[in-house]
């Protein structure tokens, strides 16, 4: 599975951005797909992931970010509204598949989101 993310950039506080991630390869709608982020000096953290049809959000983005998934295109989107400076991070697309030993994760190349005036 390969993941290609796009849509990052510079935005002012209160602004919005939309991230996209297209998956290629053996992709199944039932497997989780979504977004993590990593700010400098911090660990990578979950932002929003679709588990089947169910979204799961970090508390810090609830009410501001919306994840959606187009299974026909194997693409996941992250609509980010009311962006805050603390949302600045590299955002990574994520996809996982079950294996005999647990879940195998795939990561995109990362796209930088900067929130600054």
Protein backbone atom coordinates (compact mmCIF):
# COMPACT_ATOMS: atom_id res chain seq x y z
CA UNK A 1 0.00 0.00 0.00
CA UNK A 2 1.27 3.46 -0.91
CA UNK A 3 -0.13 6.70 0.43
CA UNK A 4 0.12 10.09 -1.27
CA UNK A 5 -0.88 13.08 0.83
CA UNK A 6 -1.43 16.65 -0.27
CA UNK A 7 -3.00 19.90 0.86
CA UNK A 8 -0.72 21.28 3.55
CA UNK A 9 0.44 24.85 3.64
CA UNK A 10 0.49 28.12 5.54
CA UNK A 11 -2.73 29.51 6.95
CA UNK A 12 -3.62 32.22 9.44
CA UNK A 13 -5.20 31.39 12.79
CA UNK A 14 -8.90 30.82 12.33
CA UNK A 15 -8.39 29.73 8.75
CA UNK A 16 -8.96 26.39 7.10
CA UNK A 17 -7.21 23.76 5.04
CA UNK A 18 -8.20 20.48 3.47
CA UNK A 19 -5.83 17.55 3.35
CA UNK A 20 -6.21 14.66 0.96
CA UNK A 21 -4.60 11.24 0.93
CA UNK A 22 -4.93 8.75 -1.88
CA UNK A 23 -4.06 5.12 -1.28
CA UNK A 24 -2.94 2.68 -3.94
CA UNK A 25 -2.45 -1.05 -3.76
CA UNK A 26 -4.55 -3.56 -1.87
CA UNK A 27 -6.86 -1.23 0.03
CA UNK A 28 -10.02 -2.25 1.84
CA UNK A 29 -12.72 0.05 3.10
CA UNK A 30 -13.02 -1.96 6.29
CA UNK A 31 -9.44 -1.14 7.33
CA UNK A 32 -8.69 2.03 9.27
CA UNK A 33 -7.43 5.06 7.41
CA UNK A 34 -6.84 8.60 8.55
CA UNK A 35 -4.39 11.13 9.91
CA UNK A 36 -1.73 11.51 12.56
CA UNK A 37 0.45 14.53 13.19
CA UNK A 38 3.80 15.28 14.75
CA UNK A 39 4.92 18.65 16.01
CA UNK A 40 8.61 19.40 16.70
CA UNK A 41 9.71 17.76 19.92
CA UNK A 42 6.48 15.82 20.27
CA UNK A 43 5.46 12.27 19.59
CA UNK A 44 3.26 11.41 16.66
CA UNK A 45 -0.37 11.58 17.72
CA UNK A 46 -3.71 10.53 16.29
CA UNK A 47 -5.72 13.35 14.76
CA UNK A 48 -8.61 11.55 13.11
CA UNK A 49 -9.04 8.02 11.81
CA UNK A 50 -11.93 6.31 10.10
CA UNK A 51 -12.58 2.83 11.46
CA UNK A 52 -14.95 1.53 8.82
CA UNK A 53 -17.68 4.17 8.78
CA UNK A 54 -16.89 5.43 12.27
CA UNK A 55 -14.64 8.45 12.77
CA UNK A 56 -12.41 8.76 15.80
CA UNK A 57 -11.04 12.20 16.71
CA UNK A 58 -8.48 13.54 19.11
CA UNK A 59 -10.16 15.68 21.75
CA UNK A 60 -8.09 18.66 20.64
CA UNK A 61 -9.69 18.72 17.17
CA UNK A 62 -13.27 17.69 17.90
CA UNK A 63 -15.70 20.20 16.50
CA UNK A 64 -13.06 21.76 14.25
CA UNK A 65 -11.81 18.93 12.04
CA UNK A 66 -13.87 16.55 9.94
CA UNK A 67 -12.60 13.35 8.39
CA UNK A 68 -14.26 11.73 5.43
CA UNK A 69 -13.48 8.84 3.17
CA UNK A 70 -14.29 8.08 -0.45
CA UNK A 71 -13.93 4.34 -0.76
CA UNK A 72 -14.41 4.38 -4.53
CA UNK A 73 -11.29 6.55 -4.79
CA UNK A 74 -9.42 5.01 -1.83
CA UNK A 75 -9.02 8.54 -0.58
CA UNK A 76 -9.40 10.09 2.85
CA UNK A 77 -9.86 13.79 3.51
CA UNK A 78 -9.33 15.99 6.53
CA UNK A 79 -11.20 19.26 6.58
CA UNK A 80 -9.54 21.48 9.15
CA UNK A 81 -11.42 24.57 10.27
CA UNK A 82 -10.72 27.17 12.94
CA UNK A 83 -7.05 26.32 12.83
CA UNK A 84 -4.92 27.25 15.81
CA UNK A 85 -1.16 27.81 16.08
CA UNK A 86 -0.95 24.59 18.10
CA UNK A 87 -2.23 22.68 15.06
CA UNK A 88 1.08 23.33 13.38
CA UNK A 89 2.68 19.98 12.61
CA UNK A 90 3.59 17.54 9.91
CA UNK A 91 0.45 15.59 9.11
CA UNK A 92 0.84 11.96 8.11
CA UNK A 93 -1.66 9.86 6.28
CA UNK A 94 -2.21 6.46 7.88
CA UNK A 95 -3.62 3.16 6.74
CA UNK A 96 -3.54 -0.15 8.60
CA UNK A 97 -4.30 -3.74 7.79
CA UNK A 98 -4.66 -6.73 10.08
CA UNK A 99 -1.99 -9.41 10.11
CA UNK A 100 -1.45 -12.57 12.12
CA UNK A 101 0.70 -10.57 14.51
CA UNK A 102 -1.50 -7.53 14.90
CA UNK A 103 -2.00 -4.44 12.78
CA UNK A 104 0.48 -3.34 10.09
CA UNK A 105 0.64 0.41 9.56
CA UNK A 106 1.46 2.31 6.40
CA UNK A 107 2.42 5.98 6.38
CA UNK A 108 2.38 8.71 3.80
CA UNK A 109 5.26 11.11 3.31
CA UNK A 110 3.86 13.84 5.52
CA UNK A 111 2.55 17.27 4.66
CA UNK A 112 3.39 20.37 6.67
CA UNK A 113 0.64 22.52 8.11
CA UNK A 114 1.73 25.88 9.49
CA UNK A 115 -0.70 28.14 11.33
CA UNK A 116 0.71 31.60 11.80
CA UNK A 117 -0.17 35.22 11.35
